[in-house]
Amino acid sequence: MKSLLIGIVILAAAVFAILPYDSVGFGLGWGNDVLAFLRGGVPVIAVLIGLIAVFIGIADMKDRAEAKREKQKSEEPAEKGQG
């Protein structure tokens, strides 16, 4: 319950900071600064997400190759015993 109230207070403070004082009559008018931050931050975040996706893809390919080797290894003794 305490964390819910803290979250609501923080959201209200963020909205208050973004609202323009001129048109609403209250607020800090940080909207343009927030947009500038997002414009600069979104490409950086996109690059980080892309790198993480590449690393996950490489790890997945290695896991599949390892599983294929394990499967072939487990099938070899069964084939030799039948022959």
Protein backbone atom coordinates (compact mmCIF):
# COMPACT_ATOMS: atom_id res chain seq x y z
CA MET A 1 0.00 0.00 0.00
CA LYS A 2 2.85 2.32 0.85
CA SER A 3 4.55 1.69 -2.49
CA LEU A 4 1.30 2.40 -4.34
CA LEU A 5 0.99 5.79 -2.66
CA ILE A 6 4.64 6.61 -3.33
CA GLY A 7 4.16 5.65 -6.99
CA ILE A 8 1.11 7.90 -7.31
CA VAL A 9 2.97 10.81 -5.71
CA ILE A 10 5.95 10.34 -8.03
CA LEU A 11 3.67 10.18 -11.10
CA ALA A 12 1.87 13.33 -9.98
CA ALA A 13 5.20 15.10 -9.48
CA ALA A 14 6.33 14.04 -12.95
CA VAL A 15 3.13 15.30 -14.56
CA PHE A 16 3.43 18.56 -12.61
CA ALA A 17 7.01 18.99 -13.83
CA ILE A 18 6.06 18.40 -17.47
CA LEU A 19 3.00 20.67 -17.58
CA PRO A 20 3.60 24.10 -19.12
CA TYR A 21 2.98 26.95 -16.69
CA ASP A 22 1.80 29.38 -19.40
CA SER A 23 -1.17 27.44 -20.72
CA VAL A 24 -2.23 25.42 -17.66
CA GLY A 25 -1.45 27.93 -14.94
CA PHE A 26 0.73 25.58 -12.92
CA GLY A 27 3.64 23.27 -13.52
CA LEU A 28 7.34 23.62 -14.11
CA GLY A 29 7.30 23.57 -17.91
CA TRP A 30 9.93 20.90 -18.38
CA GLY A 31 8.08 19.35 -21.32
CA ASN A 32 10.59 20.47 -23.94
CA ASP A 33 13.47 19.20 -21.82
CA VAL A 34 11.76 15.84 -21.45
CA LEU A 35 11.25 15.61 -25.22
CA ALA A 36 14.90 16.50 -25.83
CA PHE A 37 15.95 13.79 -23.38
CA LEU A 38 13.71 11.25 -25.14
CA ARG A 39 15.03 12.27 -28.55
CA GLY A 40 18.57 11.68 -27.34
CA GLY A 41 17.83 8.60 -25.27
CA VAL A 42 15.67 6.54 -27.62
CA PRO A 43 18.45 5.82 -30.16
CA VAL A 44 20.84 4.82 -27.37
CA ILE A 45 18.24 2.50 -25.85
CA ALA A 46 17.50 1.06 -29.31
CA VAL A 47 21.20 0.27 -29.82
CA LEU A 48 21.41 -1.42 -26.41
CA ILE A 49 18.29 -3.50 -27.11
CA GLY A 50 19.69 -4.44 -30.52
CA LEU A 51 22.99 -5.57 -28.98
CA ILE A 52 21.16 -7.64 -26.38
CA ALA A 53 19.07 -9.26 -29.14
CA VAL A 54 22.21 -10.11 -31.13
CA PHE A 55 23.88 -11.69 -28.08
CA ILE A 56 20.73 -13.69 -27.30
CA GLY A 57 20.58 -14.87 -30.92
CA ILE A 58 24.22 -15.99 -30.85
CA ALA A 59 23.68 -17.84 -27.57
CA ASP A 60 20.57 -19.51 -29.02
CA MET A 61 22.49 -20.66 -32.09
CA LYS A 62 25.23 -22.11 -29.85
CA ASP A 63 22.64 -23.90 -27.71
CA ARG A 64 20.96 -25.41 -30.77
CA ALA A 65 24.30 -26.61 -32.15
CA GLU A 66 25.17 -28.15 -28.78
CA ALA A 67 21.78 -29.88 -28.56
CA LYS A 68 22.24 -31.24 -32.09
CA ARG A 69 25.68 -32.63 -31.17
CA GLU A 70 24.27 -34.20 -28.00
CA LYS A 71 21.43 -35.80 -29.97
CA GLN A 72 23.83 -37.22 -32.57
CA LYS A 73 26.09 -38.51 -29.80
CA SER A 74 23.22 -40.27 -28.06
CA GLU A 75 22.01 -41.88 -31.32
CA GLU A 76 25.44 -43.27 -32.35
CA PRO A 77 25.66 -46.07 -29.72
CA ALA A 78 22.12 -47.20 -30.51
CA GLU A 79 22.96 -47.51 -34.23
CA LYS A 80 26.19 -49.44 -33.54
CA GLY A 81 24.37 -51.92 -31.31
CA GLN A 82 21.80 -52.75 -33.99
CA GLY A 83 24.30 -53.28 -36.81
